[in-house]
Amino acid sequence: MNWASPSATSATGGAPPIQSGGDAVRVLLDYAFRLRNAHKVWLRVNGPNERAIRAYRACGFVEEGRLRRHVWGDGQYIDLVYMGILREEWEQHVAVQRGVAG
């Protein structure tokens, strides 16, 4: 958690830290936004990890940037993808998931 600028980060190059459809990511987002009053949560993930990217998108994250051929992985340079979700995007996402979006 960055107290100067209320944002939180979760950095991973591997699969999302979940096996159950994003439950742990949703708990992390709930904690960051509801309990810690974060303005934004962001993360980075290796570009070839489409499974993780899909899981994060399903939780409301959007791709904010891509550093092309930035890190070495699997014997080659690969993209590093930055993803983020703002508080208002998270609130909208939660409302849609609960069926109360307006």
N, C-alpha and C. Protein backbone atom coordinates (compact mmCIF):
# COMPACT_ATOMS: atom_id res chain seq x y z
N MET A 1 0.85 -1.18 0.00
CA MET A 1 0.00 0.00 0.00
C MET A 1 0.89 1.23 0.00
N ASN A 2 0.60 2.15 -0.89
CA ASN A 2 1.35 3.39 -0.98
C ASN A 2 0.54 4.47 -0.28
N TRP A 3 1.02 4.94 0.86
CA TRP A 3 0.24 5.89 1.65
C TRP A 3 0.29 7.30 1.07
N ALA A 4 1.34 7.66 0.33
CA ALA A 4 1.41 8.99 -0.29
C ALA A 4 0.38 9.12 -1.41
N SER A 5 0.19 8.06 -2.13
CA SER A 5 -0.81 8.00 -3.20
C SER A 5 -1.57 6.71 -2.95
N PRO A 6 -2.81 6.79 -2.49
CA PRO A 6 -3.50 5.58 -2.04
C PRO A 6 -3.75 4.57 -3.15
N SER A 7 -2.72 3.78 -3.41
CA SER A 7 -2.84 2.70 -4.38
C SER A 7 -2.15 1.48 -3.81
N ALA A 8 -2.49 0.35 -4.33
CA ALA A 8 -1.90 -0.90 -3.88
C ALA A 8 -1.44 -1.66 -5.10
N THR A 9 -0.46 -2.50 -4.91
CA THR A 9 0.05 -3.28 -6.03
C THR A 9 0.16 -4.74 -5.64
N SER A 10 -0.01 -5.57 -6.65
CA SER A 10 0.20 -7.00 -6.51
C SER A 10 0.97 -7.42 -7.73
N ALA A 11 2.23 -7.78 -7.58
CA ALA A 11 3.07 -8.11 -8.72
C ALA A 11 3.22 -9.61 -8.84
N THR A 12 3.00 -10.11 -10.04
CA THR A 12 3.17 -11.53 -10.28
C THR A 12 3.55 -11.77 -11.72
N GLY A 13 4.39 -12.72 -11.93
CA GLY A 13 4.73 -13.12 -13.28
C GLY A 13 4.09 -14.44 -13.64
N GLY A 14 3.60 -15.14 -12.65
CA GLY A 14 3.00 -16.44 -12.88
C GLY A 14 1.50 -16.37 -12.94
N ALA A 15 0.86 -17.48 -12.76
CA ALA A 15 -0.60 -17.54 -12.77
C ALA A 15 -1.15 -16.72 -11.62
N PRO A 16 -2.40 -16.30 -11.73
CA PRO A 16 -2.97 -15.54 -10.61
C PRO A 16 -2.94 -16.38 -9.35
N PRO A 17 -2.88 -15.73 -8.17
CA PRO A 17 -2.74 -16.49 -6.93
C PRO A 17 -4.05 -17.13 -6.50
N ILE A 18 -4.73 -17.75 -7.46
CA ILE A 18 -6.03 -18.33 -7.18
C ILE A 18 -6.23 -19.57 -8.05
N GLN A 19 -7.08 -20.42 -7.65
CA GLN A 19 -7.47 -21.57 -8.45
C GLN A 19 -8.98 -21.64 -8.56
N SER A 20 -9.69 -20.73 -7.92
CA SER A 20 -11.15 -20.82 -7.82
C SER A 20 -11.85 -19.64 -8.48
N GLY A 21 -11.43 -19.31 -9.70
CA GLY A 21 -12.14 -18.27 -10.44
C GLY A 21 -11.93 -16.86 -9.95
N GLY A 22 -10.88 -16.59 -9.26
CA GLY A 22 -10.58 -15.23 -8.86
C GLY A 22 -11.00 -14.85 -7.46
N ASP A 23 -11.41 -15.81 -6.65
CA ASP A 23 -11.88 -15.49 -5.30
C ASP A 23 -10.84 -14.73 -4.49
N ALA A 24 -9.59 -15.15 -4.53
CA ALA A 24 -8.56 -14.48 -3.75
C ALA A 24 -8.33 -13.06 -4.26
N VAL A 25 -8.39 -12.87 -5.57
CA VAL A 25 -8.22 -11.53 -6.13
C VAL A 25 -9.38 -10.64 -5.69
N ARG A 26 -10.58 -11.17 -5.71
CA ARG A 26 -11.74 -10.39 -5.26
C ARG A 26 -11.63 -10.01 -3.78
N VAL A 27 -11.12 -10.92 -2.96
CA VAL A 27 -10.92 -10.62 -1.54
C VAL A 27 -9.86 -9.53 -1.39
N LEU A 28 -8.78 -9.62 -2.16
CA LEU A 28 -7.75 -8.59 -2.12
C LEU A 28 -8.32 -7.23 -2.52
N LEU A 29 -9.13 -7.20 -3.58
CA LEU A 29 -9.73 -5.93 -4.02
C LEU A 29 -10.68 -5.38 -2.97
N ASP A 30 -11.47 -6.23 -2.39
CA ASP A 30 -12.39 -5.79 -1.34
C ASP A 30 -11.62 -5.19 -0.17
N TYR A 31 -10.56 -5.86 0.22
CA TYR A 31 -9.72 -5.37 1.32
C TYR A 31 -9.10 -4.01 0.95
N ALA A 32 -8.53 -3.92 -0.23
CA ALA A 32 -7.83 -2.69 -0.63
C ALA A 32 -8.79 -1.51 -0.73
N PHE A 33 -9.95 -1.72 -1.35
CA PHE A 33 -10.86 -0.60 -1.57
C PHE A 33 -11.76 -0.31 -0.38
N ARG A 34 -12.31 -1.33 0.22
CA ARG A 34 -13.28 -1.12 1.29
C ARG A 34 -12.59 -0.82 2.63
N LEU A 35 -11.56 -1.59 2.95
CA LEU A 35 -10.95 -1.46 4.27
C LEU A 35 -9.75 -0.51 4.30
N ARG A 36 -8.99 -0.45 3.21
CA ARG A 36 -7.80 0.39 3.19
C ARG A 36 -8.01 1.68 2.40
N ASN A 37 -9.19 1.85 1.84
CA ASN A 37 -9.56 3.07 1.12
C ASN A 37 -8.61 3.40 -0.03
N ALA A 38 -8.15 2.37 -0.75
CA ALA A 38 -7.26 2.57 -1.89
C ALA A 38 -8.01 3.25 -3.03
N HIS A 39 -7.30 4.02 -3.80
CA HIS A 39 -7.85 4.66 -4.99
C HIS A 39 -7.69 3.74 -6.20
N LYS A 40 -6.65 2.92 -6.18
CA LYS A 40 -6.31 2.08 -7.33
C LYS A 40 -5.53 0.86 -6.86
N VAL A 41 -5.72 -0.24 -7.55
CA VAL A 41 -4.91 -1.44 -7.35
C VAL A 41 -4.31 -1.77 -8.71
N TRP A 42 -3.02 -2.02 -8.75
CA TRP A 42 -2.39 -2.37 -10.02
C TRP A 42 -1.47 -3.56 -9.83
N LEU A 43 -1.13 -4.18 -10.93
CA LEU A 43 -0.25 -5.34 -10.91
C LEU A 43 0.48 -5.42 -12.23
N ARG A 44 1.44 -6.31 -12.29
CA ARG A 44 2.11 -6.60 -13.54
C ARG A 44 2.17 -8.11 -13.72
N VAL A 45 2.10 -8.53 -14.96
CA VAL A 45 2.06 -9.95 -15.28
C VAL A 45 2.78 -10.16 -16.60
N ASN A 46 3.41 -11.31 -16.75
CA ASN A 46 4.09 -11.63 -18.00
C ASN A 46 3.07 -11.75 -19.13
N GLY A 47 3.37 -11.11 -20.25
CA GLY A 47 2.46 -11.07 -21.39
C GLY A 47 2.00 -12.42 -21.91
N PRO A 48 2.86 -13.43 -21.99
CA PRO A 48 2.40 -14.72 -22.49
C PRO A 48 1.42 -15.45 -21.56
N ASN A 49 1.26 -14.95 -20.35
CA ASN A 49 0.40 -15.63 -19.38
C ASN A 49 -1.06 -15.20 -19.59
N GLU A 50 -1.64 -15.64 -20.68
CA GLU A 50 -3.02 -15.26 -21.02
C GLU A 50 -4.03 -15.74 -19.99
N ARG A 51 -3.75 -16.87 -19.36
CA ARG A 51 -4.67 -17.38 -18.33
C ARG A 51 -4.80 -16.38 -17.18
N ALA A 52 -3.66 -15.85 -16.74
CA ALA A 52 -3.68 -14.87 -15.66
C ALA A 52 -4.34 -13.58 -16.11
N ILE A 53 -4.03 -13.13 -17.32
CA ILE A 53 -4.61 -11.89 -17.84
C ILE A 53 -6.13 -12.02 -17.92
N ARG A 54 -6.62 -13.16 -18.41
CA ARG A 54 -8.08 -13.38 -18.46
C ARG A 54 -8.70 -13.36 -17.06
N ALA A 55 -8.01 -13.98 -16.10
CA ALA A 55 -8.53 -14.02 -14.73
C ALA A 55 -8.60 -12.61 -14.13
N TYR A 56 -7.57 -11.81 -14.36
CA TYR A 56 -7.58 -10.45 -13.84
C TYR A 56 -8.64 -9.60 -14.52
N ARG A 57 -8.80 -9.77 -15.83
CA ARG A 57 -9.87 -9.03 -16.53
C ARG A 57 -11.24 -9.41 -15.99
N ALA A 58 -11.42 -10.68 -15.68
CA ALA A 58 -12.71 -11.14 -15.13
C ALA A 58 -13.00 -10.49 -13.78
N CYS A 59 -11.96 -10.02 -13.10
CA CYS A 59 -12.12 -9.33 -11.81
C CYS A 59 -12.25 -7.82 -11.99
N GLY A 60 -12.19 -7.34 -13.23
CA GLY A 60 -12.38 -5.92 -13.50
C GLY A 60 -11.12 -5.15 -13.87
N PHE A 61 -9.96 -5.79 -13.85
CA PHE A 61 -8.73 -5.11 -14.23
C PHE A 61 -8.73 -4.80 -15.72
N VAL A 62 -8.06 -3.71 -16.10
CA VAL A 62 -7.87 -3.37 -17.50
C VAL A 62 -6.36 -3.23 -17.75
N GLU A 63 -5.97 -3.50 -18.97
CA GLU A 63 -4.57 -3.33 -19.33
C GLU A 63 -4.27 -1.85 -19.43
N GLU A 64 -3.25 -1.41 -18.71
CA GLU A 64 -2.86 0.00 -18.71
C GLU A 64 -1.61 0.25 -19.51
N GLY A 65 -0.83 -0.77 -19.71
CA GLY A 65 0.40 -0.59 -20.48
C GLY A 65 1.10 -1.91 -20.70
N ARG A 66 1.98 -1.88 -21.68
CA ARG A 66 2.71 -3.10 -22.03
C ARG A 66 4.14 -2.67 -22.37
N LEU A 67 5.09 -3.20 -21.63
CA LEU A 67 6.49 -2.98 -21.95
C LEU A 67 6.93 -4.14 -22.84
N ARG A 68 7.14 -3.83 -24.09
CA ARG A 68 7.43 -4.87 -25.07
C ARG A 68 8.82 -5.44 -24.89
N ARG A 69 8.91 -6.78 -24.94
CA ARG A 69 10.18 -7.51 -24.80
C ARG A 69 11.01 -6.95 -23.65
N HIS A 70 10.40 -6.88 -22.50
CA HIS A 70 11.00 -6.20 -21.36
C HIS A 70 11.70 -7.14 -20.37
N VAL A 71 11.22 -8.36 -20.24
CA VAL A 71 11.81 -9.31 -19.29
C VAL A 71 12.19 -10.59 -20.00
N TRP A 72 13.16 -11.26 -19.44
CA TRP A 72 13.63 -12.51 -20.00
C TRP A 72 12.84 -13.66 -19.39
N GLY A 73 12.23 -14.48 -20.24
CA GLY A 73 11.49 -15.63 -19.75
C GLY A 73 11.33 -16.67 -20.83
N ASP A 74 11.45 -17.91 -20.48
CA ASP A 74 11.32 -19.02 -21.42
C ASP A 74 12.29 -18.89 -22.60
N GLY A 75 13.50 -18.42 -22.32
CA GLY A 75 14.53 -18.36 -23.35
C GLY A 75 14.40 -17.21 -24.34
N GLN A 76 13.58 -16.23 -24.00
CA GLN A 76 13.41 -15.09 -24.90
C GLN A 76 12.93 -13.89 -24.11
N TYR A 77 12.99 -12.73 -24.72
CA TYR A 77 12.42 -11.54 -24.09
C TYR A 77 10.91 -11.55 -24.30
N ILE A 78 10.17 -11.25 -23.24
CA ILE A 78 8.71 -11.25 -23.30
C ILE A 78 8.16 -9.93 -22.79
N ASP A 79 6.91 -9.65 -23.16
CA ASP A 79 6.26 -8.42 -22.72
C ASP A 79 5.93 -8.49 -21.23
N LEU A 80 5.93 -7.34 -20.61
CA LEU A 80 5.47 -7.20 -19.23
C LEU A 80 4.22 -6.31 -19.28
N VAL A 81 3.11 -6.83 -18.80
CA VAL A 81 1.83 -6.14 -18.89
C VAL A 81 1.46 -5.55 -17.54
N TYR A 82 1.11 -4.26 -17.56
CA TYR A 82 0.62 -3.58 -16.36
C TYR A 82 -0.90 -3.51 -16.46
N MET A 83 -1.57 -3.91 -15.38
CA MET A 83 -3.03 -3.89 -15.32
C MET A 83 -3.44 -3.15 -14.06
N GLY A 84 -4.59 -2.52 -14.10
CA GLY A 84 -5.06 -1.80 -12.93
C GLY A 84 -6.57 -1.71 -12.89
N ILE A 85 -7.06 -1.36 -11.72
CA ILE A 85 -8.49 -1.14 -11.52
C ILE A 85 -8.63 0.03 -10.53
N LEU A 86 -9.47 0.98 -10.90
CA LEU A 86 -9.74 2.13 -10.05
C LEU A 86 -10.92 1.82 -9.14
N ARG A 87 -11.01 2.54 -8.05
CA ARG A 87 -12.10 2.32 -7.08
C ARG A 87 -13.46 2.34 -7.77
N GLU A 88 -13.75 3.36 -8.59
CA GLU A 88 -15.07 3.46 -9.23
C GLU A 88 -15.31 2.33 -10.21
N GLU A 89 -14.26 1.82 -10.87
CA GLU A 89 -14.41 0.66 -11.75
C GLU A 89 -14.74 -0.58 -10.93
N TRP A 90 -14.07 -0.72 -9.79
CA TRP A 90 -14.34 -1.85 -8.92
C TRP A 90 -15.78 -1.81 -8.39
N GLU A 91 -16.22 -0.61 -7.97
CA GLU A 91 -17.59 -0.48 -7.47
C GLU A 91 -18.60 -0.87 -8.55
N GLN A 92 -18.37 -0.42 -9.78
CA GLN A 92 -19.26 -0.77 -10.89
C GLN A 92 -19.23 -2.27 -11.16
N HIS A 93 -18.04 -2.85 -11.14
CA HIS A 93 -17.88 -4.28 -11.39
C HIS A 93 -18.64 -5.10 -10.32
N VAL A 94 -18.50 -4.70 -9.06
CA VAL A 94 -19.19 -5.40 -7.97
C VAL A 94 -20.70 -5.28 -8.15
N ALA A 95 -21.18 -4.09 -8.52
CA ALA A 95 -22.60 -3.89 -8.71
C ALA A 95 -23.13 -4.77 -9.84
N VAL A 96 -22.40 -4.88 -10.92
CA VAL A 96 -22.82 -5.73 -12.03
C VAL A 96 -22.83 -7.19 -11.59
N GLN A 97 -21.81 -7.61 -10.85
CA GLN A 97 -21.76 -8.99 -10.38
C GLN A 97 -22.95 -9.32 -9.46
N ARG A 98 -23.39 -8.34 -8.71
CA ARG A 98 -24.52 -8.55 -7.79
C ARG A 98 -25.86 -8.31 -8.48
N GLY A 99 -25.83 -7.83 -9.72
CA GLY A 99 -27.06 -7.60 -10.46
C GLY A 99 -27.79 -6.35 -10.07
N VAL A 100 -27.05 -5.36 -9.52
CA VAL A 100 -27.71 -4.13 -9.09
C VAL A 100 -27.15 -2.90 -9.81
N ALA A 101 -26.49 -3.13 -10.94
CA ALA A 101 -25.92 -1.99 -11.69
C ALA A 101 -27.03 -1.15 -12.25
N GLY A 102 -26.77 0.16 -12.29
CA GLY A 102 -27.80 1.05 -12.80
C GLY A 102 -27.31 2.05 -13.76
